């Protein structure tokens, strides 16, 4: 997905398309709410996909176009889980954009983090959302610490809902120990794994007892 960010922008095409207001047409179709039958229509899905694909290249490395599209950010966030290109669009809008990165992006980060939390650990969507969060953490070679802090705070706000942090919390340690013990009982583990795994289990149980 993020391989598309390597495509070069064409400033002349962006300028010409902007002068004709083509972005407004793309946004019109994205904003237009169709009935339930049309939502699942392949032609409608393809149309929306191409609209987002156009917007990605329209805002790429172009601050003026990013500003034009920025006002529709709430629409994009609302449909974040419906089309993976929305992640790429937001990525291109905020990448290297100091003005946007230093705005209050709390709401944006919360929506992305919530989507990341609801995605399964092994899913590509989880990777996509986590990759998107990277763009809010750095401008050129400088860290954007307020955004980093906001991400950490939101990821740890409700530890019971965070499947990774939960396993290493006081409540989750017993579950982590059981998972490891179950893995060690399998027949296909490497020869040294049971011995090393047992040491890890002992360490975790000690941590559990002291917590």
Protein backbone atom coordinates (compact mmCIF):
# COMPACT_ATOMS: atom_id res chain seq x y z
CA UNK A 1 0.00 0.00 0.00
CA UNK A 2 2.56 2.60 1.07
CA UNK A 3 4.72 1.68 -1.91
CA UNK A 4 2.50 4.11 -3.83
CA UNK A 5 4.06 6.98 -1.94
CA UNK A 6 7.18 6.49 -4.07
CA UNK A 7 5.32 7.64 -7.18
CA UNK A 8 6.42 11.12 -8.20
CA UNK A 9 3.94 13.96 -8.23
CA UNK A 10 3.34 15.99 -11.38
CA UNK A 11 3.07 19.65 -10.46
CA UNK A 12 1.74 20.71 -13.85
CA UNK A 13 -1.01 18.09 -13.81
CA UNK A 14 -1.91 19.06 -10.25
CA UNK A 15 -2.17 22.71 -11.26
CA UNK A 16 -4.30 22.02 -14.35
CA UNK A 17 -6.66 19.65 -12.53
CA UNK A 18 -6.98 22.15 -9.70
CA UNK A 19 -7.85 24.98 -12.11
CA UNK A 20 -10.78 22.89 -13.37
CA UNK A 21 -11.86 21.99 -9.84
CA UNK A 22 -11.65 18.24 -10.48
CA UNK A 23 -10.95 17.66 -6.77
CA UNK A 24 -14.41 19.02 -5.98
CA UNK A 25 -15.97 16.43 -8.28
CA UNK A 26 -14.02 13.63 -6.58
CA UNK A 27 -15.05 14.94 -3.17
CA UNK A 28 -18.68 15.18 -4.29
CA UNK A 29 -18.81 11.45 -5.07
CA UNK A 30 -17.02 10.60 -1.81
CA UNK A 31 -19.42 12.71 0.27
CA UNK A 32 -22.56 11.57 -1.54
CA UNK A 33 -24.30 8.98 0.60
CA UNK A 34 -25.98 6.31 -1.47
CA UNK A 35 -28.53 3.73 -0.35
CA UNK A 36 -27.52 0.34 1.06
CA UNK A 37 -27.80 -1.48 -2.26
CA UNK A 38 -25.53 0.99 -4.02
CA UNK A 39 -22.88 0.82 -1.29
CA UNK A 40 -22.16 -2.80 -2.19
CA UNK A 41 -22.38 -2.13 -5.93
CA UNK A 42 -18.94 -2.94 -7.47
CA UNK A 43 -19.22 0.02 -9.85
CA UNK A 44 -19.86 2.44 -7.00
CA UNK A 45 -16.98 0.96 -4.99
CA UNK A 46 -14.69 1.30 -7.97
CA UNK A 47 -15.77 4.92 -8.47
CA UNK A 48 -15.01 5.81 -4.83
CA UNK A 49 -11.70 3.97 -5.00
CA UNK A 50 -10.64 5.94 -8.08
CA UNK A 51 -11.72 9.20 -6.43
CA UNK A 52 -9.42 8.49 -3.49
CA UNK A 53 -6.68 7.37 -5.85
CA UNK A 54 -6.94 10.72 -7.66
CA UNK A 55 -6.85 12.70 -4.39
CA UNK A 56 -3.71 10.87 -3.25
CA UNK A 57 -1.80 12.07 -6.31
CA UNK A 58 -3.51 15.47 -6.22
CA UNK A 59 -2.20 16.33 -2.73
CA UNK A 60 1.18 14.59 -3.03
CA UNK A 61 4.01 17.07 -2.26
CA UNK A 62 1.62 19.96 -2.94
CA UNK A 63 0.85 22.16 0.06
CA UNK A 64 -1.83 24.26 -1.68
CA UNK A 65 -3.77 21.17 -2.73
CA UNK A 66 -3.38 19.68 0.72
CA UNK A 67 -5.00 22.78 2.18
CA UNK A 68 -7.90 22.50 -0.29
CA UNK A 69 -8.61 18.92 0.72
CA UNK A 70 -7.91 19.27 4.46
CA UNK A 71 -11.39 20.60 5.29
CA UNK A 72 -12.83 17.21 4.34
CA UNK A 73 -10.67 15.30 6.82
CA UNK A 74 -13.66 14.33 8.98
CA UNK A 75 -15.28 12.61 6.00
CA UNK A 76 -12.10 10.64 5.36
CA UNK A 77 -11.79 9.62 9.00
CA UNK A 78 -15.42 8.52 9.10
CA UNK A 79 -14.76 6.10 6.23
CA UNK A 80 -11.26 5.13 7.35
CA UNK A 81 -12.06 1.42 7.67
CA UNK A 82 -13.87 1.25 4.31
CA UNK A 83 -11.01 2.05 1.93
CA UNK A 84 -7.29 1.56 2.52
CA UNK A 85 -6.47 4.45 0.16
CA UNK A 86 -7.79 6.84 2.80
CA UNK A 87 -4.77 5.97 4.94
CA UNK A 88 -2.49 6.80 2.05
CA UNK A 89 -4.34 10.06 1.42
CA UNK A 90 -3.96 11.16 5.05
CA UNK A 91 -0.32 10.07 4.94
CA UNK A 92 0.36 12.26 1.90
CA UNK A 93 -1.52 15.21 3.41
CA UNK A 94 0.53 15.23 6.62
CA UNK A 95 3.91 13.99 5.37
CA UNK A 96 6.41 16.84 5.77
CA UNK A 97 3.57 19.32 6.33
CA UNK A 98 4.73 21.30 9.36
CA UNK A 99 1.55 23.36 9.54
CA UNK A 100 -0.72 20.31 9.73
CA UNK A 101 1.59 18.34 12.05
CA UNK A 102 1.63 21.17 14.59
CA UNK A 103 -2.15 21.57 14.62
CA UNK A 104 -4.25 19.83 17.26
CA UNK A 105 -4.38 16.34 15.76
CA UNK A 106 -5.74 14.61 18.88
CA UNK A 107 -9.04 13.65 17.27
CA UNK A 108 -7.32 12.31 14.16
CA UNK A 109 -4.91 10.20 16.20
CA UNK A 110 -7.72 8.81 18.34
CA UNK A 111 -9.67 7.65 15.31
CA UNK A 112 -6.62 5.96 13.79
CA UNK A 113 -5.62 4.36 17.11
CA UNK A 114 -9.16 3.10 17.69
CA UNK A 115 -9.14 1.48 14.25
CA UNK A 116 -5.71 -0.02 14.97
CA UNK A 117 -6.95 -1.42 18.27
CA UNK A 118 -10.01 -3.02 16.69
CA UNK A 119 -7.97 -4.66 13.93
CA UNK A 120 -6.73 -8.18 14.62
CA UNK A 121 -3.06 -8.59 15.53
CA UNK A 122 -2.27 -10.57 12.38
CA UNK A 123 -4.25 -8.37 9.97
CA UNK A 124 -2.72 -6.13 7.33
CA UNK A 125 -5.04 -3.34 8.46
CA UNK A 126 -3.31 -3.15 11.83
CA UNK A 127 0.05 -2.70 10.08
CA UNK A 128 -1.50 -0.06 7.84
CA UNK A 129 -2.81 2.03 10.75
CA UNK A 130 0.44 1.74 12.71
CA UNK A 131 2.38 2.82 9.62
CA UNK A 132 0.06 5.80 9.22
CA UNK A 133 0.77 6.91 12.79
CA UNK A 134 4.46 7.24 11.93
CA UNK A 135 3.85 10.29 9.78
CA UNK A 136 2.55 12.26 12.80
CA UNK A 137 5.71 11.61 14.83
CA UNK A 138 8.39 13.29 12.75
CA UNK A 139 8.97 16.40 10.63
CA UNK A 140 12.13 16.13 8.53
CA UNK A 141 14.78 15.12 11.10
CA UNK A 142 12.91 16.47 14.13
CA UNK A 143 10.51 14.60 16.39
CA UNK A 144 7.00 15.97 16.94
CA UNK A 145 6.90 15.11 20.64
CA UNK A 146 3.33 16.28 21.44
CA UNK A 147 1.99 13.89 18.81
CA UNK A 148 4.20 11.06 20.07
CA UNK A 149 2.95 11.62 23.60
CA UNK A 150 -0.65 11.70 22.39
CA UNK A 151 -0.19 8.35 20.63
CA UNK A 152 1.32 6.73 23.74
CA UNK A 153 -1.41 8.12 26.00
CA UNK A 154 -4.17 6.85 23.71
CA UNK A 155 -2.61 3.41 23.28
CA UNK A 156 -2.37 2.99 27.06
CA UNK A 157 -5.65 4.70 27.99
CA UNK A 158 -7.57 1.43 28.29
CA UNK A 159 -5.01 -1.32 28.73
CA UNK A 160 -7.66 -4.03 28.82
CA UNK A 161 -8.50 -3.31 25.17
CA UNK A 162 -4.92 -3.32 23.95
CA UNK A 163 -4.04 -6.89 23.12
CA UNK A 164 -0.27 -6.32 23.18
CA UNK A 165 0.05 -4.08 26.21
CA UNK A 166 -2.55 -6.15 28.03
CA UNK A 167 -0.40 -9.29 27.90
CA UNK A 168 2.39 -7.51 29.75
CA UNK A 169 0.13 -5.84 32.30
CA UNK A 170 -0.60 -7.25 35.76
CA UNK A 171 -3.98 -8.52 34.52
CA UNK A 172 -2.58 -10.04 31.35
CA UNK A 173 0.52 -11.82 32.69
CA UNK A 174 -1.38 -14.98 33.72
CA UNK A 175 -2.79 -15.22 30.20
CA UNK A 176 0.67 -14.73 28.68
CA UNK A 177 2.08 -17.50 30.90
CA UNK A 178 -0.67 -19.88 29.79
CA UNK A 179 -0.01 -19.05 26.14
CA UNK A 180 3.69 -19.80 26.52
CA UNK A 181 3.02 -23.03 28.40
CA UNK A 182 0.64 -24.16 25.65
CA UNK A 183 3.27 -23.39 22.99
CA UNK A 184 5.93 -25.38 24.84
CA UNK A 185 3.72 -28.47 24.82
CA UNK A 186 3.58 -28.55 21.01
CA UNK A 187 5.58 -31.23 19.18
CA UNK A 188 7.17 -28.98 16.58
CA UNK A 189 9.08 -26.61 18.86
CA UNK A 190 12.91 -26.39 18.47
CA UNK A 191 15.06 -28.60 20.71
CA UNK A 192 16.20 -25.82 23.06
CA UNK A 193 12.84 -24.07 23.19
CA UNK A 194 11.34 -26.03 26.13
CA UNK A 195 14.33 -25.25 28.35
CA UNK A 196 14.55 -21.59 27.37
CA UNK A 197 10.77 -21.27 27.42
CA UNK A 198 10.55 -22.71 30.91
CA UNK A 199 13.01 -20.08 32.13
CA UNK A 200 10.88 -17.37 30.55
CA UNK A 201 7.73 -18.79 32.15
CA UNK A 202 9.45 -18.81 35.57
CA UNK A 203 10.50 -15.20 35.05
CA UNK A 204 6.97 -14.15 34.07
CA UNK A 205 5.42 -16.00 37.01
CA UNK A 206 7.84 -14.20 39.33
CA UNK A 207 6.78 -10.89 37.79
CA UNK A 208 3.14 -11.91 38.17
CA UNK A 209 3.62 -12.74 41.86
CA UNK A 210 5.36 -9.47 42.59
CA UNK A 211 2.80 -7.33 40.76
